[in-house]
């Protein structure tokens, strides 16, 4: 039987693996942090949005499993397959880097309202965020049965920690995250985590 701590740790690790990826949202948070422009608002929007979507995923997928127990097998296979694919893509970036890094340059700092609207758009208009938080995290959470909400809490905490570190620690993190090597290491950890979780999800289905 999975313990409460194990479920929370699994949620934290899975959530962090899905959030820590080179993308427009992370680049925007980093840029705002470096410029110290509406950092609290941006970090708050990202963390609260993730919390809402993760709750939707854990509750939605969990409700389907409770109503139709056979759905757990289907969810496990589909979610596991997605995680394995994500892991393979991350592993591919490790061995075949495109030279990319998290860039913080761009337009000059604007108003708080503009920063908030841009952050909301990058978060809620990004189709990948729904796949990551609602479906994938919901699928893995469902595999934890009664502890799925503990798993979800761990994922929410991972999001809060990541965006807080990225936004408020931008001055220190920026120079390191601008290096492709740093992202190769991070992609390696993400690949390993996703492949293990994907395999475990399929094996338990």
Protein backbone atom coordinates (compact mmCIF):
# COMPACT_ATOMS: atom_id res chain seq x y z
CA UNK A 1 0.00 0.00 0.00
CA UNK A 2 1.40 3.37 -1.00
CA UNK A 3 2.13 5.58 2.00
CA UNK A 4 1.02 9.18 2.27
CA UNK A 5 4.60 10.42 2.05
CA UNK A 6 5.35 8.23 -0.99
CA UNK A 7 2.24 9.48 -2.78
CA UNK A 8 3.11 13.12 -2.04
CA UNK A 9 6.73 12.60 -3.14
CA UNK A 10 5.55 10.91 -6.34
CA UNK A 11 3.25 13.84 -7.03
CA UNK A 12 6.05 16.32 -6.41
CA UNK A 13 8.46 14.47 -8.69
CA UNK A 14 5.93 13.94 -11.48
CA UNK A 15 4.69 17.52 -11.33
CA UNK A 16 8.22 18.91 -11.38
CA UNK A 17 9.14 16.71 -14.35
CA UNK A 18 6.25 18.08 -16.38
CA UNK A 19 6.75 21.71 -15.37
CA UNK A 20 10.53 21.93 -15.78
CA UNK A 21 10.75 22.16 -19.55
CA UNK A 22 11.93 24.85 -21.91
CA UNK A 23 8.89 26.82 -22.95
CA UNK A 24 7.34 30.23 -23.39
CA UNK A 25 5.82 30.29 -19.90
CA UNK A 26 9.10 29.50 -18.12
CA UNK A 27 10.97 31.99 -20.28
CA UNK A 28 8.40 34.67 -19.47
CA UNK A 29 8.59 34.02 -15.71
CA UNK A 30 12.39 34.10 -15.84
CA UNK A 31 12.40 37.33 -17.85
CA UNK A 32 10.00 39.01 -15.41
CA UNK A 33 12.13 37.84 -12.50
CA UNK A 34 15.35 39.18 -13.95
CA UNK A 35 13.68 42.55 -14.56
CA UNK A 36 11.84 42.42 -11.21
CA UNK A 37 8.65 43.32 -13.02
CA UNK A 38 5.32 42.09 -11.51
CA UNK A 39 7.10 38.97 -10.24
CA UNK A 40 4.65 38.19 -7.43
CA UNK A 41 1.65 38.51 -9.74
CA UNK A 42 3.21 36.34 -12.44
CA UNK A 43 4.37 33.64 -10.00
CA UNK A 44 0.96 33.68 -8.32
CA UNK A 45 -0.91 33.27 -11.60
CA UNK A 46 1.26 30.37 -12.73
CA UNK A 47 1.10 28.53 -9.39
CA UNK A 48 -2.64 29.09 -8.82
CA UNK A 49 -3.48 28.14 -12.40
CA UNK A 50 -1.53 24.91 -12.08
CA UNK A 51 -3.25 24.20 -8.75
CA UNK A 52 -6.68 24.65 -10.36
CA UNK A 53 -5.82 22.47 -13.37
CA UNK A 54 -4.21 19.76 -11.25
CA UNK A 55 -7.29 19.70 -9.02
CA UNK A 56 -9.46 19.37 -12.11
CA UNK A 57 -7.31 16.53 -13.39
CA UNK A 58 -7.15 14.62 -10.11
CA UNK A 59 -10.86 15.10 -9.44
CA UNK A 60 -12.03 14.53 -13.01
CA UNK A 61 -10.01 11.45 -13.86
CA UNK A 62 -10.51 10.12 -10.33
CA UNK A 63 -14.28 10.49 -10.64
CA UNK A 64 -14.28 8.53 -13.90
CA UNK A 65 -12.31 5.72 -12.27
CA UNK A 66 -14.71 5.60 -9.31
CA UNK A 67 -17.70 5.48 -11.63
CA UNK A 68 -16.15 2.95 -13.99
CA UNK A 69 -13.29 0.98 -12.37
CA UNK A 70 -12.36 -0.50 -15.74
CA UNK A 71 -11.30 2.97 -16.82
CA UNK A 72 -8.24 2.70 -14.58
CA UNK A 73 -6.70 0.18 -16.97
CA UNK A 74 -7.35 2.38 -20.00
CA UNK A 75 -6.13 5.49 -18.20
CA UNK A 76 -3.01 3.65 -17.04
CA UNK A 77 -2.09 2.47 -20.53
CA UNK A 78 -2.79 5.80 -22.24
CA UNK A 79 -1.16 7.91 -19.52
CA UNK A 80 1.81 5.55 -19.36
CA UNK A 81 2.26 5.73 -23.12
CA UNK A 82 2.23 9.53 -23.02
CA UNK A 83 4.79 9.59 -20.23
CA UNK A 84 7.06 7.21 -22.13
CA UNK A 85 6.78 9.41 -25.24
CA UNK A 86 7.57 12.54 -23.21
CA UNK A 87 10.52 10.75 -21.65
CA UNK A 88 11.80 9.69 -25.05
CA UNK A 89 11.59 13.26 -26.36
CA UNK A 90 13.49 14.55 -23.32
CA UNK A 91 16.13 11.84 -23.79
CA UNK A 92 16.43 12.80 -27.46
CA UNK A 93 17.18 16.39 -26.46
CA UNK A 94 19.98 15.13 -24.19
CA UNK A 95 21.77 13.27 -27.00
CA UNK A 96 20.75 15.58 -29.83
CA UNK A 97 20.66 19.09 -28.33
CA UNK A 98 19.45 21.86 -30.59
CA UNK A 99 21.54 24.44 -28.77
CA UNK A 100 18.46 25.85 -27.11
CA UNK A 101 18.41 27.43 -23.69
CA UNK A 102 15.95 29.40 -21.66
CA UNK A 103 16.36 32.91 -23.00
CA UNK A 104 15.38 35.89 -20.94
CA UNK A 105 15.84 38.59 -23.52
CA UNK A 106 12.99 40.18 -25.40
CA UNK A 107 10.75 43.22 -25.15
CA UNK A 108 11.26 45.81 -22.49
CA UNK A 109 9.35 45.60 -19.25
CA UNK A 110 5.77 46.80 -19.53
CA UNK A 111 2.88 47.51 -17.22
CA UNK A 112 1.65 45.12 -14.51
CA UNK A 113 -1.63 44.72 -16.40
CA UNK A 114 0.21 43.70 -19.56
CA UNK A 115 2.35 41.22 -17.64
CA UNK A 116 -0.72 39.67 -16.01
CA UNK A 117 -2.61 39.36 -19.31
CA UNK A 118 0.41 37.87 -21.06
CA UNK A 119 0.92 35.35 -18.27
CA UNK A 120 -2.77 34.34 -18.31
CA UNK A 121 -2.64 33.85 -22.07
CA UNK A 122 0.54 31.76 -21.95
CA UNK A 123 -0.96 29.59 -19.23
CA UNK A 124 -4.58 29.07 -20.25
CA UNK A 125 -4.23 29.23 -24.03
CA UNK A 126 -1.46 26.63 -24.13
CA UNK A 127 -2.95 23.23 -25.10
CA UNK A 128 0.01 21.38 -23.60
CA UNK A 129 -0.83 22.59 -20.11
CA UNK A 130 -4.12 20.70 -20.23
CA UNK A 131 -2.41 17.52 -21.38
CA UNK A 132 0.23 17.82 -18.66
CA UNK A 133 -1.85 18.86 -15.66
CA UNK A 134 -5.33 17.54 -16.37
CA UNK A 135 -4.71 14.31 -18.24
CA UNK A 136 -1.19 13.10 -17.41
CA UNK A 137 -1.16 14.11 -13.73
CA UNK A 138 -4.76 13.01 -13.40
CA UNK A 139 -3.89 9.62 -14.88
CA UNK A 140 -0.94 9.02 -12.58
CA UNK A 141 -2.91 10.31 -9.58
CA UNK A 142 -5.76 7.88 -10.32
CA UNK A 143 -3.27 5.03 -10.00
CA UNK A 144 -2.78 6.01 -6.33
CA UNK A 145 -6.44 5.35 -5.51
CA UNK A 146 -7.49 6.90 -2.16
CA UNK A 147 -4.19 8.80 -2.00
CA UNK A 148 -4.71 10.54 -5.34
CA UNK A 149 -5.39 13.87 -3.60
CA UNK A 150 -2.15 13.53 -1.65
CA UNK A 151 -0.40 12.94 -4.97
CA UNK A 152 -2.12 16.03 -6.37
CA UNK A 153 -1.02 18.11 -3.38
CA UNK A 154 2.57 17.07 -4.05
CA UNK A 155 2.23 18.17 -7.68
CA UNK A 156 0.76 21.53 -6.62
CA UNK A 157 3.67 22.04 -4.22
CA UNK A 158 6.15 21.26 -7.02
CA UNK A 159 4.57 23.92 -9.21
CA UNK A 160 4.67 26.48 -6.41
CA UNK A 161 8.33 25.72 -5.62
CA UNK A 162 9.41 25.84 -9.26
CA UNK A 163 7.74 29.11 -10.22
CA UNK A 164 8.78 30.76 -6.96
CA UNK A 165 12.40 29.72 -7.52
CA UNK A 166 12.28 30.74 -11.18
CA UNK A 167 10.68 34.12 -10.56
CA UNK A 168 12.34 35.27 -7.33
CA UNK A 169 15.64 33.47 -7.94
CA UNK A 170 15.92 34.66 -11.53
CA UNK A 171 18.93 36.85 -10.84
CA UNK A 172 20.86 33.79 -9.68
CA UNK A 173 19.29 31.17 -11.96
CA UNK A 174 19.31 33.20 -15.15
CA UNK A 175 23.00 32.83 -15.95
CA UNK A 176 22.87 29.06 -15.35
CA UNK A 177 19.61 28.42 -17.24
CA UNK A 178 20.97 30.34 -20.20
CA UNK A 179 23.45 27.49 -20.76
CA UNK A 180 22.31 24.58 -22.98
CA UNK A 181 24.35 22.18 -20.80
CA UNK A 182 22.13 22.92 -17.80
CA UNK A 183 19.06 21.94 -19.77
CA UNK A 184 20.70 18.75 -21.03
CA UNK A 185 21.23 17.68 -17.42
CA UNK A 186 17.69 18.69 -16.52
CA UNK A 187 16.27 16.88 -19.56
CA UNK A 188 18.19 13.77 -18.52
CA UNK A 189 16.55 13.81 -15.10
CA UNK A 190 13.15 14.50 -16.64
CA UNK A 191 13.59 11.65 -19.14
CA UNK A 192 14.55 9.15 -16.43
CA UNK A 193 11.63 10.18 -14.19
CA UNK A 194 9.04 10.04 -16.95
CA UNK A 195 10.20 6.70 -18.35
CA UNK A 196 10.17 5.09 -14.90
CA UNK A 197 6.75 6.51 -14.08
CA UNK A 198 5.34 5.58 -17.48
CA UNK A 199 6.58 2.00 -17.20
CA UNK A 200 5.24 1.73 -13.65
CA UNK A 201 1.85 3.09 -14.70
CA UNK A 202 1.55 0.56 -17.53
CA UNK A 203 2.80 -2.29 -15.34
CA UNK A 204 0.18 -1.52 -12.71
CA UNK A 205 -2.70 -1.34 -15.19
